[in-house]
Amino acid sequence: MGCDSVIVIGAGVIGLTSALVFREAGYDVTIWADAFSPHTTSDVAVAIWYPYRAEPEALVRAWGLDTLRE
């Protein structure tokens, strides 16, 4: 038996992207967050992301490219 609704914790870039992906997949999505734009870390991070000092380097690079494509 499956679930038809999800709760996403956080309304930054990752939370909102996750909510969008779930919604596009047909789930009913609820977002719980302490803060919403313009009061999130994502608002001041300006969507700059790069894995820094993460291992194993080959896998981290692949994960980063998958994230960028998404």
N, C-alpha and C. Protein backbone atom coordinates (compact mmCIF):
# COMPACT_ATOMS: atom_id res chain seq x y z
N MET A 1 0.85 -1.17 0.00
CA MET A 1 0.00 0.00 0.00
C MET A 1 0.90 1.23 0.00
N GLY A 2 0.66 2.16 -0.92
CA GLY A 2 1.50 3.33 -1.05
C GLY A 2 0.95 4.55 -0.34
N CYS A 3 1.76 5.56 -0.35
CA CYS A 3 1.43 6.84 0.27
C CYS A 3 1.13 7.83 -0.84
N ASP A 4 0.13 8.67 -0.68
CA ASP A 4 -0.17 9.65 -1.72
C ASP A 4 0.12 11.08 -1.28
N SER A 5 0.73 11.25 -0.12
CA SER A 5 1.08 12.59 0.34
C SER A 5 2.43 12.56 1.04
N VAL A 6 3.13 13.68 0.96
CA VAL A 6 4.43 13.82 1.62
C VAL A 6 4.50 15.17 2.32
N ILE A 7 5.34 15.23 3.33
CA ILE A 7 5.65 16.49 4.00
C ILE A 7 7.12 16.78 3.73
N VAL A 8 7.41 17.97 3.23
CA VAL A 8 8.79 18.41 3.00
C VAL A 8 9.14 19.39 4.11
N ILE A 9 10.27 19.14 4.74
CA ILE A 9 10.73 20.02 5.82
C ILE A 9 11.74 21.00 5.23
N GLY A 10 11.39 22.28 5.25
CA GLY A 10 12.29 23.33 4.75
C GLY A 10 11.80 23.92 3.44
N ALA A 11 12.02 25.22 3.28
CA ALA A 11 11.56 25.93 2.08
C ALA A 11 12.69 26.65 1.37
N GLY A 12 13.90 26.11 1.51
CA GLY A 12 15.02 26.64 0.74
C GLY A 12 15.05 25.98 -0.63
N VAL A 13 16.16 26.10 -1.32
CA VAL A 13 16.29 25.54 -2.66
C VAL A 13 16.02 24.04 -2.65
N ILE A 14 16.62 23.31 -1.73
CA ILE A 14 16.45 21.86 -1.70
C ILE A 14 15.03 21.47 -1.33
N GLY A 15 14.47 22.12 -0.32
CA GLY A 15 13.10 21.80 0.08
C GLY A 15 12.09 22.07 -1.01
N LEU A 16 12.19 23.23 -1.64
CA LEU A 16 11.23 23.58 -2.69
C LEU A 16 11.42 22.71 -3.93
N THR A 17 12.67 22.40 -4.26
CA THR A 17 12.92 21.51 -5.40
C THR A 17 12.35 20.12 -5.12
N SER A 18 12.56 19.63 -3.90
CA SER A 18 12.01 18.32 -3.53
C SER A 18 10.49 18.34 -3.61
N ALA A 19 9.88 19.39 -3.11
CA ALA A 19 8.43 19.51 -3.15
C ALA A 19 7.93 19.51 -4.60
N LEU A 20 8.61 20.22 -5.47
CA LEU A 20 8.23 20.28 -6.87
C LEU A 20 8.33 18.90 -7.53
N VAL A 21 9.42 18.18 -7.27
CA VAL A 21 9.60 16.85 -7.85
C VAL A 21 8.50 15.90 -7.36
N PHE A 22 8.20 15.94 -6.07
CA PHE A 22 7.12 15.10 -5.56
C PHE A 22 5.78 15.48 -6.18
N ARG A 23 5.53 16.78 -6.29
CA ARG A 23 4.26 17.25 -6.87
C ARG A 23 4.13 16.80 -8.31
N GLU A 24 5.21 16.93 -9.08
CA GLU A 24 5.20 16.49 -10.48
C GLU A 24 4.99 14.98 -10.60
N ALA A 25 5.35 14.24 -9.56
CA ALA A 25 5.15 12.79 -9.54
C ALA A 25 3.74 12.42 -9.07
N GLY A 26 2.93 13.42 -8.75
CA GLY A 26 1.53 13.17 -8.40
C GLY A 26 1.21 13.12 -6.92
N TYR A 27 2.17 13.47 -6.08
CA TYR A 27 1.93 13.46 -4.63
C TYR A 27 1.30 14.77 -4.18
N ASP A 28 0.51 14.68 -3.13
CA ASP A 28 0.00 15.86 -2.44
C ASP A 28 1.12 16.31 -1.50
N VAL A 29 1.58 17.54 -1.63
CA VAL A 29 2.76 18.00 -0.90
C VAL A 29 2.39 19.10 0.09
N THR A 30 2.90 18.95 1.32
CA THR A 30 2.81 19.99 2.33
C THR A 30 4.22 20.39 2.71
N ILE A 31 4.49 21.69 2.78
CA ILE A 31 5.82 22.18 3.16
C ILE A 31 5.74 22.75 4.56
N TRP A 32 6.60 22.25 5.44
CA TRP A 32 6.74 22.78 6.79
C TRP A 32 8.08 23.48 6.87
N ALA A 33 8.08 24.73 7.31
CA ALA A 33 9.34 25.47 7.40
C ALA A 33 9.23 26.57 8.45
N ASP A 34 10.37 26.85 9.07
CA ASP A 34 10.43 27.97 10.01
C ASP A 34 10.44 29.29 9.27
N ALA A 35 11.01 29.28 8.05
CA ALA A 35 11.15 30.52 7.28
C ALA A 35 10.88 30.24 5.80
N PHE A 36 10.38 31.25 5.15
CA PHE A 36 10.16 31.21 3.70
C PHE A 36 10.89 32.41 3.09
N SER A 37 11.08 32.35 1.79
CA SER A 37 11.76 33.44 1.08
C SER A 37 11.09 34.78 1.44
N PRO A 38 11.89 35.77 1.69
CA PRO A 38 13.34 35.92 1.52
C PRO A 38 14.15 35.66 2.79
N HIS A 39 13.66 34.83 3.69
CA HIS A 39 14.33 34.61 4.98
C HIS A 39 14.93 33.21 5.12
N THR A 40 15.45 32.66 4.04
CA THR A 40 16.09 31.34 4.08
C THR A 40 17.58 31.47 3.78
N THR A 41 18.34 30.47 4.15
CA THR A 41 19.76 30.45 3.82
C THR A 41 19.94 30.49 2.31
N SER A 42 19.06 29.83 1.58
CA SER A 42 19.17 29.79 0.12
C SER A 42 19.09 31.18 -0.49
N ASP A 43 18.37 32.08 0.14
CA ASP A 43 18.26 33.45 -0.40
C ASP A 43 19.59 34.18 -0.40
N VAL A 44 20.41 33.91 0.60
CA VAL A 44 21.71 34.60 0.66
C VAL A 44 22.82 33.78 0.02
N ALA A 45 22.59 32.48 -0.21
CA ALA A 45 23.61 31.64 -0.85
C ALA A 45 23.64 31.87 -2.36
N VAL A 46 22.64 32.49 -2.89
CA VAL A 46 22.54 32.85 -4.31
C VAL A 46 22.67 31.62 -5.22
N ALA A 47 22.22 30.47 -4.74
CA ALA A 47 22.23 29.24 -5.52
C ALA A 47 23.61 28.82 -5.99
N ILE A 48 24.65 29.23 -5.29
CA ILE A 48 26.00 28.78 -5.61
C ILE A 48 26.25 27.51 -4.80
N TRP A 49 26.58 26.44 -5.51
CA TRP A 49 26.81 25.17 -4.84
C TRP A 49 27.94 24.46 -5.54
N TYR A 50 28.82 23.90 -4.77
CA TYR A 50 29.89 23.08 -5.30
C TYR A 50 30.41 22.20 -4.17
N PRO A 51 30.56 20.90 -4.44
CA PRO A 51 31.08 20.04 -3.38
C PRO A 51 32.51 20.41 -3.03
N TYR A 52 32.77 20.66 -1.79
CA TYR A 52 34.08 21.12 -1.34
C TYR A 52 34.62 20.17 -0.29
N ARG A 53 35.79 19.63 -0.55
CA ARG A 53 36.43 18.68 0.37
C ARG A 53 35.51 17.51 0.72
N ALA A 54 34.92 16.94 -0.30
CA ALA A 54 34.04 15.79 -0.11
C ALA A 54 34.66 14.58 -0.80
N GLU A 55 34.48 13.45 -0.22
CA GLU A 55 35.04 12.20 -0.76
C GLU A 55 33.95 11.15 -0.89
N PRO A 56 34.12 10.18 -1.74
CA PRO A 56 35.16 9.99 -2.73
C PRO A 56 34.94 10.91 -3.92
N GLU A 57 35.99 11.57 -4.35
CA GLU A 57 35.90 12.63 -5.35
C GLU A 57 35.15 12.21 -6.61
N ALA A 58 35.44 11.01 -7.14
CA ALA A 58 34.78 10.57 -8.37
C ALA A 58 33.27 10.46 -8.18
N LEU A 59 32.83 9.93 -7.05
CA LEU A 59 31.39 9.82 -6.80
C LEU A 59 30.76 11.17 -6.54
N VAL A 60 31.45 12.02 -5.78
CA VAL A 60 30.90 13.34 -5.46
C VAL A 60 30.70 14.14 -6.75
N ARG A 61 31.66 14.05 -7.66
CA ARG A 61 31.52 14.75 -8.95
C ARG A 61 30.29 14.25 -9.70
N ALA A 62 30.11 12.93 -9.75
CA ALA A 62 28.94 12.36 -10.44
C ALA A 62 27.64 12.80 -9.77
N TRP A 63 27.62 12.77 -8.44
CA TRP A 63 26.42 13.22 -7.72
C TRP A 63 26.12 14.69 -8.02
N GLY A 64 27.17 15.51 -8.05
CA GLY A 64 27.00 16.93 -8.34
C GLY A 64 26.43 17.15 -9.74
N LEU A 65 26.93 16.41 -10.71
CA LEU A 65 26.41 16.54 -12.08
C LEU A 65 24.95 16.10 -12.18
N ASP A 66 24.61 15.03 -11.45
CA ASP A 66 23.20 14.61 -11.43
C ASP A 66 22.31 15.70 -10.84
N THR A 67 22.79 16.31 -9.75
CA THR A 67 22.05 17.39 -9.10
C THR A 67 21.88 18.58 -10.04
N LEU A 68 22.96 18.94 -10.72
CA LEU A 68 22.89 20.07 -11.66
C LEU A 68 21.88 19.80 -12.76
N ARG A 69 21.88 18.59 -13.30
CA ARG A 69 20.91 18.25 -14.37
C ARG A 69 19.48 18.35 -13.87
N GLU A 70 19.25 17.93 -12.63
CA GLU A 70 17.89 17.97 -12.06
C GLU A 70 17.44 19.40 -11.88
